[in-house]
Amino acid sequence: MSQNIKDVMDIRDIKIKDLTANPAPLGLMGFGMTTVLLNIHNAGFYPMNSMILSMGFFYGGLAQIIAGIQEWKKGNTFGATAFTSYGLFWLTLVGIVLLPKSESYAGLATESFPFAAYLFMWGVFTLFMFIGTLKGSKALSVVFFTLTILFFLLAAGNYLGSESILVIAGYEGILTGLSAIYAALGQVLNEAYGKKIVPL
């Protein structure tokens, strides 16, 4: 009997090394590239188009959800919550744009006030996530800080019907997306070279 207990204790002492890849760069790139491309539109350089919606659905949406699930497997609650949530943000945004164009939901376009409320709630969520980044890398804190500002600017622009605020949000959103791309590529390059060559 005592030998069986000893065997169980020995098994519990075994450490399993995690050899799976870091999913964060995928999630950050999906978020960053999609955010840049959408906000070039918000800044007034081109209209809403299928490129933005496709990026929102596949790279901003599905890729981030995949990254979030992988973070969950690694035991990273923050990463799982962030990537899965923002992946679903992109899918809901695509739905908000496309559903009113379908025959079944024609005439159900989201007006400016409920859309502002939607953006405001994402701003609140992001603000709390930003607080969580203060224990981590500065690069990630910059991403979440600029994203918080972006959501509140977009909410204000839609609520007030202000084109100028939306254009400012567009430029700020480009900065947000580029900061996420920097954080993603920094992680990839630091891992590839086995040393810190990109400060994070």
N, C-alpha and C. Protein backbone atom coordinates (compact mmCIF):
# COMPACT_ATOMS: atom_id res chain seq x y z
N MET A 1 0.84 -1.21 0.00
CA MET A 1 0.00 0.00 0.00
C MET A 1 0.87 1.25 0.00
N SER A 2 1.88 1.28 0.88
CA SER A 2 2.75 2.44 0.96
C SER A 2 3.56 2.61 -0.32
N GLN A 3 3.88 1.48 -0.99
CA GLN A 3 4.61 1.55 -2.26
C GLN A 3 3.76 2.22 -3.33
N ASN A 4 2.44 1.89 -3.33
CA ASN A 4 1.53 2.50 -4.31
C ASN A 4 1.45 4.02 -4.11
N ILE A 5 1.38 4.43 -2.84
CA ILE A 5 1.34 5.87 -2.54
C ILE A 5 2.63 6.54 -3.01
N LYS A 6 3.76 5.87 -2.78
CA LYS A 6 5.05 6.41 -3.21
C LYS A 6 5.10 6.54 -4.73
N ASP A 7 4.55 5.54 -5.46
CA ASP A 7 4.53 5.59 -6.92
C ASP A 7 3.71 6.78 -7.41
N VAL A 8 2.54 7.02 -6.77
CA VAL A 8 1.69 8.15 -7.14
C VAL A 8 2.42 9.46 -6.91
N MET A 9 3.11 9.57 -5.78
CA MET A 9 3.85 10.79 -5.46
C MET A 9 4.97 11.01 -6.46
N ASP A 10 5.64 9.93 -6.86
CA ASP A 10 6.71 10.05 -7.86
C ASP A 10 6.17 10.55 -9.19
N ILE A 11 5.01 10.06 -9.59
CA ILE A 11 4.40 10.47 -10.85
C ILE A 11 4.06 11.96 -10.80
N ARG A 12 3.58 12.43 -9.64
CA ARG A 12 3.21 13.84 -9.50
C ARG A 12 4.43 14.75 -9.56
N ASP A 13 5.60 14.24 -9.26
CA ASP A 13 6.81 15.04 -9.29
C ASP A 13 7.38 15.20 -10.70
N ILE A 14 6.83 14.46 -11.66
CA ILE A 14 7.33 14.53 -13.03
C ILE A 14 6.93 15.87 -13.65
N LYS A 15 7.88 16.57 -14.23
CA LYS A 15 7.63 17.85 -14.91
C LYS A 15 7.53 17.59 -16.41
N ILE A 16 6.48 18.15 -17.03
CA ILE A 16 6.31 18.00 -18.48
C ILE A 16 6.68 19.33 -19.13
N LYS A 17 7.63 19.31 -20.05
CA LYS A 17 8.08 20.52 -20.72
C LYS A 17 7.12 20.86 -21.85
N ASP A 18 6.70 22.13 -21.90
CA ASP A 18 5.80 22.59 -22.97
C ASP A 18 6.65 22.94 -24.18
N LEU A 19 6.50 22.16 -25.25
CA LEU A 19 7.27 22.39 -26.48
C LEU A 19 6.42 23.03 -27.58
N THR A 20 5.19 23.44 -27.25
CA THR A 20 4.35 24.07 -28.26
C THR A 20 4.81 25.50 -28.50
N ALA A 21 4.52 26.00 -29.70
CA ALA A 21 4.95 27.35 -30.09
C ALA A 21 4.15 28.42 -29.36
N ASN A 22 4.71 29.61 -29.32
CA ASN A 22 4.06 30.77 -28.71
C ASN A 22 2.97 31.29 -29.67
N PRO A 23 1.68 31.24 -29.26
CA PRO A 23 0.61 31.68 -30.16
C PRO A 23 0.40 33.19 -30.18
N ALA A 24 1.04 33.92 -29.26
CA ALA A 24 0.80 35.37 -29.15
C ALA A 24 1.13 36.14 -30.43
N PRO A 25 2.26 35.86 -31.13
CA PRO A 25 2.53 36.62 -32.35
C PRO A 25 1.44 36.47 -33.41
N LEU A 26 0.87 35.27 -33.53
CA LEU A 26 -0.24 35.09 -34.49
C LEU A 26 -1.41 35.98 -34.11
N GLY A 27 -1.79 35.96 -32.83
CA GLY A 27 -2.91 36.78 -32.38
C GLY A 27 -2.64 38.26 -32.56
N LEU A 28 -1.43 38.69 -32.21
CA LEU A 28 -1.08 40.11 -32.35
C LEU A 28 -1.02 40.54 -33.81
N MET A 29 -0.52 39.68 -34.68
CA MET A 29 -0.47 40.02 -36.11
C MET A 29 -1.89 40.07 -36.70
N GLY A 30 -2.73 39.11 -36.32
CA GLY A 30 -4.12 39.13 -36.81
C GLY A 30 -4.82 40.40 -36.39
N PHE A 31 -4.60 40.80 -35.14
CA PHE A 31 -5.19 42.03 -34.65
C PHE A 31 -4.56 43.25 -35.31
N GLY A 32 -3.21 43.28 -35.34
CA GLY A 32 -2.49 44.46 -35.81
C GLY A 32 -2.73 44.78 -37.28
N MET A 33 -2.58 43.80 -38.15
CA MET A 33 -2.75 44.06 -39.59
C MET A 33 -4.17 44.46 -39.92
N THR A 34 -5.13 43.79 -39.30
CA THR A 34 -6.54 44.11 -39.57
C THR A 34 -6.88 45.51 -39.06
N THR A 35 -6.33 45.86 -37.89
CA THR A 35 -6.59 47.17 -37.31
C THR A 35 -6.01 48.28 -38.18
N VAL A 36 -4.79 48.09 -38.69
CA VAL A 36 -4.19 49.08 -39.58
C VAL A 36 -5.06 49.29 -40.82
N LEU A 37 -5.44 48.20 -41.45
CA LEU A 37 -6.20 48.30 -42.71
C LEU A 37 -7.58 48.93 -42.50
N LEU A 38 -8.26 48.58 -41.41
CA LEU A 38 -9.56 49.21 -41.13
C LEU A 38 -9.40 50.70 -40.86
N ASN A 39 -8.35 51.06 -40.14
CA ASN A 39 -8.21 52.46 -39.74
C ASN A 39 -7.64 53.35 -40.84
N ILE A 40 -7.01 52.76 -41.84
CA ILE A 40 -6.70 53.54 -43.04
C ILE A 40 -8.02 53.98 -43.68
N HIS A 41 -9.02 53.09 -43.64
CA HIS A 41 -10.38 53.46 -44.09
C HIS A 41 -10.96 54.56 -43.19
N ASN A 42 -10.86 54.37 -41.86
CA ASN A 42 -11.42 55.37 -40.94
C ASN A 42 -10.77 56.74 -41.12
N ALA A 43 -9.49 56.74 -41.49
CA ALA A 43 -8.78 58.00 -41.71
C ALA A 43 -9.18 58.66 -43.04
N GLY A 44 -9.97 57.94 -43.85
CA GLY A 44 -10.52 58.55 -45.06
C GLY A 44 -9.79 58.24 -46.35
N PHE A 45 -8.90 57.22 -46.36
CA PHE A 45 -8.11 56.95 -47.56
C PHE A 45 -8.82 56.06 -48.57
N TYR A 46 -9.73 55.22 -48.12
CA TYR A 46 -10.53 54.40 -49.05
C TYR A 46 -11.80 53.96 -48.34
N PRO A 47 -12.84 53.60 -49.12
CA PRO A 47 -14.12 53.21 -48.50
C PRO A 47 -14.06 51.80 -47.92
N MET A 48 -15.07 51.45 -47.14
CA MET A 48 -15.22 50.08 -46.64
C MET A 48 -15.28 49.15 -47.85
N ASN A 49 -14.54 48.05 -47.79
CA ASN A 49 -14.50 47.15 -48.95
C ASN A 49 -14.34 45.70 -48.50
N SER A 50 -14.34 44.79 -49.47
CA SER A 50 -14.30 43.36 -49.15
C SER A 50 -12.95 42.95 -48.55
N MET A 51 -11.88 43.70 -48.86
CA MET A 51 -10.58 43.39 -48.26
C MET A 51 -10.65 43.53 -46.75
N ILE A 52 -11.23 44.64 -46.27
CA ILE A 52 -11.33 44.87 -44.83
C ILE A 52 -12.20 43.80 -44.19
N LEU A 53 -13.33 43.50 -44.81
CA LEU A 53 -14.25 42.51 -44.24
C LEU A 53 -13.62 41.11 -44.22
N SER A 54 -12.87 40.78 -45.27
CA SER A 54 -12.21 39.47 -45.31
C SER A 54 -11.12 39.38 -44.26
N MET A 55 -10.34 40.44 -44.11
CA MET A 55 -9.33 40.46 -43.05
C MET A 55 -10.00 40.35 -41.68
N GLY A 56 -11.11 41.06 -41.49
CA GLY A 56 -11.83 41.01 -40.22
C GLY A 56 -12.35 39.62 -39.92
N PHE A 57 -12.82 38.94 -40.94
CA PHE A 57 -13.40 37.61 -40.73
C PHE A 57 -12.30 36.57 -40.49
N PHE A 58 -11.30 36.54 -41.37
CA PHE A 58 -10.34 35.46 -41.34
C PHE A 58 -9.13 35.73 -40.43
N TYR A 59 -8.43 36.84 -40.64
CA TYR A 59 -7.19 37.06 -39.89
C TYR A 59 -7.46 37.73 -38.54
N GLY A 60 -8.24 38.79 -38.55
CA GLY A 60 -8.60 39.43 -37.28
C GLY A 60 -9.51 38.55 -36.44
N GLY A 61 -10.41 37.80 -37.09
CA GLY A 61 -11.37 36.97 -36.38
C GLY A 61 -10.87 35.58 -36.08
N LEU A 62 -10.83 34.72 -37.10
CA LEU A 62 -10.51 33.31 -36.88
C LEU A 62 -9.10 33.08 -36.35
N ALA A 63 -8.11 33.82 -36.88
CA ALA A 63 -6.73 33.61 -36.42
C ALA A 63 -6.59 33.96 -34.95
N GLN A 64 -7.25 35.02 -34.50
CA GLN A 64 -7.15 35.39 -33.09
C GLN A 64 -7.86 34.38 -32.19
N ILE A 65 -8.97 33.84 -32.66
CA ILE A 65 -9.66 32.82 -31.87
C ILE A 65 -8.78 31.58 -31.73
N ILE A 66 -8.13 31.19 -32.81
CA ILE A 66 -7.20 30.05 -32.75
C ILE A 66 -6.08 30.34 -31.76
N ALA A 67 -5.52 31.57 -31.83
CA ALA A 67 -4.46 31.95 -30.89
C ALA A 67 -4.97 31.93 -29.45
N GLY A 68 -6.20 32.38 -29.24
CA GLY A 68 -6.79 32.38 -27.90
C GLY A 68 -6.96 30.98 -27.35
N ILE A 69 -7.38 30.05 -28.19
CA ILE A 69 -7.53 28.66 -27.76
C ILE A 69 -6.16 28.07 -27.40
N GLN A 70 -5.14 28.41 -28.20
CA GLN A 70 -3.79 27.93 -27.90
C GLN A 70 -3.27 28.52 -26.59
N GLU A 71 -3.59 29.79 -26.32
CA GLU A 71 -3.19 30.41 -25.05
C GLU A 71 -3.89 29.72 -23.87
N TRP A 72 -5.14 29.34 -24.08
CA TRP A 72 -5.88 28.61 -23.04
C TRP A 72 -5.18 27.28 -22.73
N LYS A 73 -4.73 26.58 -23.77
CA LYS A 73 -4.02 25.32 -23.57
C LYS A 73 -2.72 25.53 -22.80
N LYS A 74 -2.12 26.69 -22.95
CA LYS A 74 -0.87 26.99 -22.24
C LYS A 74 -1.12 27.49 -20.82
N GLY A 75 -2.40 27.67 -20.45
CA GLY A 75 -2.72 28.14 -19.11
C GLY A 75 -2.63 29.64 -18.95
N ASN A 76 -2.65 30.37 -20.07
CA ASN A 76 -2.53 31.83 -20.03
C ASN A 76 -3.93 32.44 -20.10
N THR A 77 -4.51 32.76 -18.96
CA THR A 77 -5.88 33.30 -18.91
C THR A 77 -5.98 34.63 -19.64
N PHE A 78 -5.00 35.51 -19.43
CA PHE A 78 -5.02 36.82 -20.09
C PHE A 78 -5.02 36.66 -21.61
N GLY A 79 -4.07 35.89 -22.13
CA GLY A 79 -3.97 35.69 -23.58
C GLY A 79 -5.21 35.04 -24.16
N ALA A 80 -5.75 34.04 -23.45
CA ALA A 80 -6.95 33.35 -23.93
C ALA A 80 -8.13 34.32 -23.98
N THR A 81 -8.29 35.13 -22.93
CA THR A 81 -9.40 36.09 -22.88
C THR A 81 -9.24 37.16 -23.95
N ALA A 82 -8.02 37.71 -24.07
CA ALA A 82 -7.78 38.80 -25.02
C ALA A 82 -7.97 38.34 -26.46
N PHE A 83 -7.25 37.31 -26.88
CA PHE A 83 -7.30 36.92 -28.28
C PHE A 83 -8.67 36.38 -28.69
N THR A 84 -9.28 35.57 -27.83
CA THR A 84 -10.60 35.05 -28.17
C THR A 84 -11.62 36.18 -28.24
N SER A 85 -11.57 37.11 -27.30
CA SER A 85 -12.52 38.22 -27.27
C SER A 85 -12.36 39.12 -28.49
N TYR A 86 -11.13 39.51 -28.81
CA TYR A 86 -10.93 40.41 -29.96
C TYR A 86 -11.17 39.70 -31.28
N GLY A 87 -10.91 38.39 -31.31
CA GLY A 87 -11.30 37.63 -32.51
C GLY A 87 -12.79 37.69 -32.73
N LEU A 88 -13.55 37.52 -31.65
CA LEU A 88 -15.00 37.60 -31.74
C LEU A 88 -15.47 39.04 -31.98
N PHE A 89 -14.70 40.02 -31.51
CA PHE A 89 -15.01 41.42 -31.86
C PHE A 89 -15.00 41.59 -33.37
N TRP A 90 -13.95 41.10 -34.02
CA TRP A 90 -13.88 41.27 -35.48
C TRP A 90 -15.03 40.55 -36.18
N LEU A 91 -15.38 39.36 -35.70
CA LEU A 91 -16.50 38.63 -36.33
C LEU A 91 -17.82 39.38 -36.14
N THR A 92 -18.03 39.95 -34.95
CA THR A 92 -19.26 40.70 -34.73
C THR A 92 -19.28 41.97 -35.57
N LEU A 93 -18.12 42.60 -35.74
CA LEU A 93 -18.05 43.82 -36.57
C LEU A 93 -18.40 43.50 -38.02
N VAL A 94 -17.87 42.39 -38.53
CA VAL A 94 -18.22 41.97 -39.89
C VAL A 94 -19.71 41.68 -39.97
N GLY A 95 -20.26 41.06 -38.93
CA GLY A 95 -21.71 40.79 -38.90
C GLY A 95 -22.53 42.06 -38.91
N ILE A 96 -22.09 43.07 -38.15
CA ILE A 96 -22.81 44.35 -38.11
C ILE A 96 -22.86 45.00 -39.49
N VAL A 97 -21.78 44.84 -40.25
CA VAL A 97 -21.72 45.42 -41.60
C VAL A 97 -22.53 44.59 -42.60
N LEU A 98 -22.38 43.26 -42.54
CA LEU A 98 -22.95 42.41 -43.58
C LEU A 98 -24.39 41.98 -43.36
N LEU A 99 -24.80 41.75 -42.11
CA LEU A 99 -26.15 41.23 -41.87
C LEU A 99 -27.25 42.12 -42.47
N PRO A 100 -27.17 43.45 -42.34
CA PRO A 100 -28.24 44.28 -42.92
C PRO A 100 -28.30 44.21 -44.45
N LYS A 101 -27.24 43.69 -45.08
CA LYS A 101 -27.22 43.58 -46.54
C LYS A 101 -27.88 42.28 -47.01
N SER A 102 -28.16 41.36 -46.07
CA SER A 102 -28.80 40.11 -46.45
C SER A 102 -30.32 40.31 -46.53
N GLU A 103 -30.97 39.45 -47.29
CA GLU A 103 -32.42 39.56 -47.49
C GLU A 103 -33.18 39.42 -46.18
N SER A 104 -32.73 38.51 -45.33
CA SER A 104 -33.45 38.24 -44.08
C SER A 104 -33.36 39.39 -43.09
N TYR A 105 -32.25 40.14 -43.11
CA TYR A 105 -32.04 41.19 -42.12
C TYR A 105 -31.99 42.58 -42.74
N ALA A 106 -32.53 42.73 -43.93
CA ALA A 106 -32.55 44.03 -44.59
C ALA A 106 -33.29 45.04 -43.73
N GLY A 107 -32.76 46.23 -43.62
CA GLY A 107 -33.40 47.27 -42.84
C GLY A 107 -33.05 47.25 -41.36
N LEU A 108 -32.18 46.33 -40.94
CA LEU A 108 -31.80 46.24 -39.53
C LEU A 108 -30.40 46.80 -39.27
N ALA A 109 -29.99 47.76 -40.08
CA ALA A 109 -28.66 48.36 -39.89
C ALA A 109 -28.57 48.99 -38.51
N THR A 110 -27.38 48.88 -37.89
CA THR A 110 -27.15 49.45 -36.57
C THR A 110 -26.98 50.96 -36.68
N GLU A 111 -27.80 51.69 -35.94
CA GLU A 111 -27.71 53.15 -35.98
C GLU A 111 -26.52 53.63 -35.14
N SER A 112 -26.24 54.93 -35.23
CA SER A 112 -25.02 55.46 -34.62
C SER A 112 -24.99 55.31 -33.10
N PHE A 113 -26.12 55.52 -32.40
CA PHE A 113 -26.09 55.42 -30.94
C PHE A 113 -25.81 54.00 -30.45
N PRO A 114 -26.53 52.96 -30.92
CA PRO A 114 -26.19 51.61 -30.46
C PRO A 114 -24.79 51.17 -30.89
N PHE A 115 -24.33 51.66 -32.06
CA PHE A 115 -22.97 51.32 -32.49
C PHE A 115 -21.94 51.98 -31.58
N ALA A 116 -22.24 53.21 -31.14
CA ALA A 116 -21.36 53.90 -30.18
C ALA A 116 -21.34 53.14 -28.85
N ALA A 117 -22.51 52.62 -28.42
CA ALA A 117 -22.57 51.85 -27.17
C ALA A 117 -21.73 50.57 -27.29
N TYR A 118 -21.81 49.93 -28.44
CA TYR A 118 -21.01 48.73 -28.73
C TYR A 118 -19.52 49.04 -28.60
N LEU A 119 -19.08 50.13 -29.23
CA LEU A 119 -17.67 50.52 -29.18
C LEU A 119 -17.25 50.94 -27.77
N PHE A 120 -18.15 51.63 -27.07
CA PHE A 120 -17.85 52.06 -25.70
C PHE A 120 -17.62 50.86 -24.79
N MET A 121 -18.46 49.83 -24.91
CA MET A 121 -18.31 48.64 -24.07
C MET A 121 -16.99 47.93 -24.37
N TRP A 122 -16.58 47.91 -25.64
CA TRP A 122 -15.28 47.34 -25.97
C TRP A 122 -14.16 48.19 -25.38
N GLY A 123 -14.37 49.50 -25.30
CA GLY A 123 -13.40 50.37 -24.66
C GLY A 123 -13.26 50.07 -23.18
N VAL A 124 -14.38 49.84 -22.51
CA VAL A 124 -14.34 49.51 -21.08
C VAL A 124 -13.60 48.19 -20.86
N PHE A 125 -13.93 47.19 -21.67
CA PHE A 125 -13.24 45.89 -21.58
C PHE A 125 -11.74 46.07 -21.79
N THR A 126 -11.37 46.85 -22.79
CA THR A 126 -9.95 47.04 -23.12
C THR A 126 -9.22 47.80 -22.02
N LEU A 127 -9.90 48.75 -21.38
CA LEU A 127 -9.29 49.49 -20.28
C LEU A 127 -8.90 48.53 -19.15
N PHE A 128 -9.79 47.61 -18.82
CA PHE A 128 -9.47 46.65 -17.76
C PHE A 128 -8.38 45.68 -18.20
N MET A 129 -8.37 45.31 -19.47
CA MET A 129 -7.30 44.45 -19.97
C MET A 129 -5.96 45.20 -19.95
N PHE A 130 -5.99 46.50 -20.24
CA PHE A 130 -4.78 47.31 -20.17
C PHE A 130 -4.17 47.26 -18.77
N ILE A 131 -5.01 47.35 -17.75
CA ILE A 131 -4.52 47.27 -16.37
C ILE A 131 -3.79 45.95 -16.15
N GLY A 132 -4.31 44.89 -16.76
CA GLY A 132 -3.65 43.58 -16.66
C GLY A 132 -2.29 43.54 -17.32
N THR A 133 -2.06 44.39 -18.34
CA THR A 133 -0.76 44.38 -19.04
C THR A 133 0.34 45.07 -18.25
N LEU A 134 -0.02 45.83 -17.23
CA LEU A 134 0.98 46.59 -16.49
C LEU A 134 1.97 45.68 -15.75
N LYS A 135 1.60 44.40 -15.60
CA LYS A 135 2.50 43.43 -14.99
C LYS A 135 3.38 42.76 -16.03
N GLY A 136 3.14 43.05 -17.31
CA GLY A 136 3.89 42.38 -18.38
C GLY A 136 4.81 43.33 -19.14
N SER A 137 4.91 43.09 -20.44
CA SER A 137 5.84 43.88 -21.27
C SER A 137 5.28 45.27 -21.57
N LYS A 138 6.19 46.21 -21.73
CA LYS A 138 5.79 47.58 -22.07
C LYS A 138 5.15 47.64 -23.45
N ALA A 139 5.65 46.82 -24.38
CA ALA A 139 5.10 46.81 -25.73
C ALA A 139 3.62 46.43 -25.71
N LEU A 140 3.26 45.43 -24.91
CA LEU A 140 1.87 45.01 -24.81
C LEU A 140 1.02 46.09 -24.15
N SER A 141 1.59 46.78 -23.16
CA SER A 141 0.86 47.88 -22.51
C SER A 141 0.54 48.98 -23.51
N VAL A 142 1.49 49.28 -24.40
CA VAL A 142 1.26 50.30 -25.43
C VAL A 142 0.11 49.89 -26.34
N VAL A 143 0.08 48.62 -26.74
CA VAL A 143 -1.00 48.12 -27.60
C VAL A 143 -2.36 48.34 -26.93
N PHE A 144 -2.49 47.94 -25.68
CA PHE A 144 -3.78 48.03 -25.00
C PHE A 144 -4.14 49.47 -24.63
N PHE A 145 -3.15 50.28 -24.32
CA PHE A 145 -3.42 51.68 -24.01
C PHE A 145 -3.94 52.42 -25.24
N THR A 146 -3.26 52.24 -26.37
CA THR A 146 -3.70 52.91 -27.60
C THR A 146 -5.04 52.35 -28.08
N LEU A 147 -5.26 51.05 -27.85
CA LEU A 147 -6.54 50.46 -28.25
C LEU A 147 -7.69 51.00 -27.41
N THR A 148 -7.44 51.21 -26.13
CA THR A 148 -8.47 51.81 -25.26
C THR A 148 -8.87 53.19 -25.79
N ILE A 149 -7.86 54.01 -26.10
CA ILE A 149 -8.13 55.34 -26.67
C ILE A 149 -8.91 55.22 -27.97
N LEU A 150 -8.51 54.27 -28.82
CA LEU A 150 -9.18 54.09 -30.11
C LEU A 150 -10.66 53.78 -29.94
N PHE A 151 -11.00 52.85 -29.06
CA PHE A 151 -12.41 52.49 -28.87
C PHE A 151 -13.23 53.68 -28.37
N PHE A 152 -12.67 54.44 -27.43
CA PHE A 152 -13.40 55.60 -26.91
C PHE A 152 -13.53 56.71 -27.95
N LEU A 153 -12.50 56.90 -28.78
CA LEU A 153 -12.61 57.88 -29.88
C LEU A 153 -13.68 57.45 -30.88
N LEU A 154 -13.69 56.18 -31.25
CA LEU A 154 -14.69 55.68 -32.20
C LEU A 154 -16.10 55.79 -31.61
N ALA A 155 -16.22 55.49 -30.32
CA ALA A 155 -17.52 55.61 -29.67
C ALA A 155 -17.99 57.06 -29.69
N ALA A 156 -17.09 57.98 -29.35
CA ALA A 156 -17.44 59.41 -29.33
C ALA A 156 -17.78 59.89 -30.73
N GLY A 157 -16.99 59.50 -31.72
CA GLY A 157 -17.23 59.92 -33.10
C GLY A 157 -18.57 59.46 -33.61
N ASN A 158 -18.95 58.23 -33.30
CA ASN A 158 -20.25 57.70 -33.74
C ASN A 158 -21.40 58.32 -32.95
N TYR A 159 -21.21 58.51 -31.66
CA TYR A 159 -22.26 59.10 -30.83
C TYR A 159 -22.55 60.54 -31.25
N LEU A 160 -21.49 61.30 -31.49
CA LEU A 160 -21.65 62.71 -31.84
C LEU A 160 -21.84 62.93 -33.34
N GLY A 161 -21.65 61.88 -34.12
CA GLY A 161 -21.75 62.03 -35.57
C GLY A 161 -20.65 62.92 -36.11
N SER A 162 -19.48 62.86 -35.49
CA SER A 162 -18.37 63.74 -35.85
C SER A 162 -17.38 63.05 -36.79
N GLU A 163 -17.34 63.50 -38.02
CA GLU A 163 -16.41 62.94 -39.00
C GLU A 163 -14.97 63.23 -38.60
N SER A 164 -14.72 64.40 -38.02
CA SER A 164 -13.34 64.76 -37.66
C SER A 164 -12.80 63.86 -36.55
N ILE A 165 -13.64 63.52 -35.57
CA ILE A 165 -13.20 62.60 -34.50
C ILE A 165 -12.91 61.23 -35.09
N LEU A 166 -13.72 60.79 -36.03
CA LEU A 166 -13.50 59.47 -36.65
C LEU A 166 -12.20 59.45 -37.46
N VAL A 167 -11.87 60.57 -38.10
CA VAL A 167 -10.61 60.64 -38.84
C VAL A 167 -9.43 60.59 -37.88
N ILE A 168 -9.53 61.34 -36.76
CA ILE A 168 -8.48 61.28 -35.73
C ILE A 168 -8.35 59.86 -35.21
N ALA A 169 -9.50 59.20 -34.97
CA ALA A 169 -9.49 57.80 -34.53
C ALA A 169 -8.80 56.91 -35.55
N GLY A 170 -8.99 57.21 -36.83
CA GLY A 170 -8.35 56.42 -37.88
C GLY A 170 -6.83 56.47 -37.77
N TYR A 171 -6.28 57.65 -37.61
CA TYR A 171 -4.82 57.78 -37.47
C TYR A 171 -4.34 57.13 -36.18
N GLU A 172 -5.09 57.32 -35.10
CA GLU A 172 -4.72 56.70 -33.83
C GLU A 172 -4.80 55.17 -33.94
N GLY A 173 -5.78 54.68 -34.70
CA GLY A 173 -5.93 53.24 -34.90
C GLY A 173 -4.80 52.64 -35.72
N ILE A 174 -4.27 53.42 -36.67
CA ILE A 174 -3.10 52.95 -37.42
C ILE A 174 -1.92 52.76 -36.47
N LEU A 175 -1.74 53.72 -35.56
CA LEU A 175 -0.69 53.60 -34.53
C LEU A 175 -0.91 52.37 -33.66
N THR A 176 -2.17 52.12 -33.27
CA THR A 176 -2.50 50.95 -32.45
C THR A 176 -2.12 49.66 -33.17
N GLY A 177 -2.53 49.55 -34.43
CA GLY A 177 -2.21 48.35 -35.20
C GLY A 177 -0.73 48.14 -35.38
N LEU A 178 0.00 49.23 -35.66
CA LEU A 178 1.45 49.12 -35.84
C LEU A 178 2.14 48.70 -34.54
N SER A 179 1.61 49.16 -33.40
CA SER A 179 2.21 48.76 -32.12
C SER A 179 2.01 47.26 -31.88
N ALA A 180 0.87 46.72 -32.31
CA ALA A 180 0.63 45.27 -32.18
C ALA A 180 1.55 44.48 -33.11
N ILE A 181 1.74 44.99 -34.33
CA ILE A 181 2.65 44.33 -35.28
C ILE A 181 4.07 44.33 -34.72
N TYR A 182 4.49 45.46 -34.14
CA TYR A 182 5.83 45.54 -33.53
C TYR A 182 5.98 44.49 -32.43
N ALA A 183 4.98 44.40 -31.56
CA ALA A 183 5.04 43.43 -30.45
C ALA A 183 5.10 42.00 -30.98
N ALA A 184 4.34 41.72 -32.04
CA ALA A 184 4.32 40.37 -32.62
C ALA A 184 5.67 40.02 -33.25
N LEU A 185 6.16 40.91 -34.12
CA LEU A 185 7.41 40.62 -34.82
C LEU A 185 8.60 40.62 -33.86
N GLY A 186 8.51 41.44 -32.81
CA GLY A 186 9.56 41.42 -31.80
C GLY A 186 9.67 40.06 -31.14
N GLN A 187 8.54 39.47 -30.80
CA GLN A 187 8.55 38.14 -30.18
C GLN A 187 9.10 37.09 -31.15
N VAL A 188 8.68 37.17 -32.42
CA VAL A 188 9.14 36.20 -33.42
C VAL A 188 10.66 36.31 -33.61
N LEU A 189 11.16 37.53 -33.79
CA LEU A 189 12.58 37.72 -34.06
C LEU A 189 13.44 37.38 -32.84
N ASN A 190 12.98 37.76 -31.65
CA ASN A 190 13.75 37.42 -30.44
C ASN A 190 13.86 35.91 -30.27
N GLU A 191 12.77 35.20 -30.56
CA GLU A 191 12.81 33.74 -30.45
C GLU A 191 13.68 33.13 -31.55
N ALA A 192 13.56 33.66 -32.77
CA ALA A 192 14.32 33.11 -33.89
C ALA A 192 15.83 33.26 -33.67
N TYR A 193 16.25 34.38 -33.09
CA TYR A 193 17.67 34.63 -32.87
C TYR A 193 18.16 34.16 -31.50
N GLY A 194 17.22 33.75 -30.65
CA GLY A 194 17.60 33.25 -29.34
C GLY A 194 18.16 34.31 -28.40
N LYS A 195 17.89 35.56 -28.69
CA LYS A 195 18.36 36.65 -27.83
C LYS A 195 17.47 37.87 -28.06
N LYS A 196 17.59 38.84 -27.19
CA LYS A 196 16.75 40.04 -27.29
C LYS A 196 17.36 41.00 -28.29
N ILE A 197 16.77 41.05 -29.50
CA ILE A 197 17.23 42.01 -30.49
C ILE A 197 16.18 43.11 -30.71
N VAL A 198 14.93 42.82 -30.31
CA VAL A 198 13.86 43.82 -30.37
C VAL A 198 13.38 44.08 -28.95
N PRO A 199 13.55 45.29 -28.44
CA PRO A 199 13.09 45.54 -27.07
C PRO A 199 11.57 45.53 -26.95
N LEU A 200 11.08 44.80 -25.96
CA LEU A 200 9.64 44.69 -25.76
C LEU A 200 9.25 45.21 -24.37
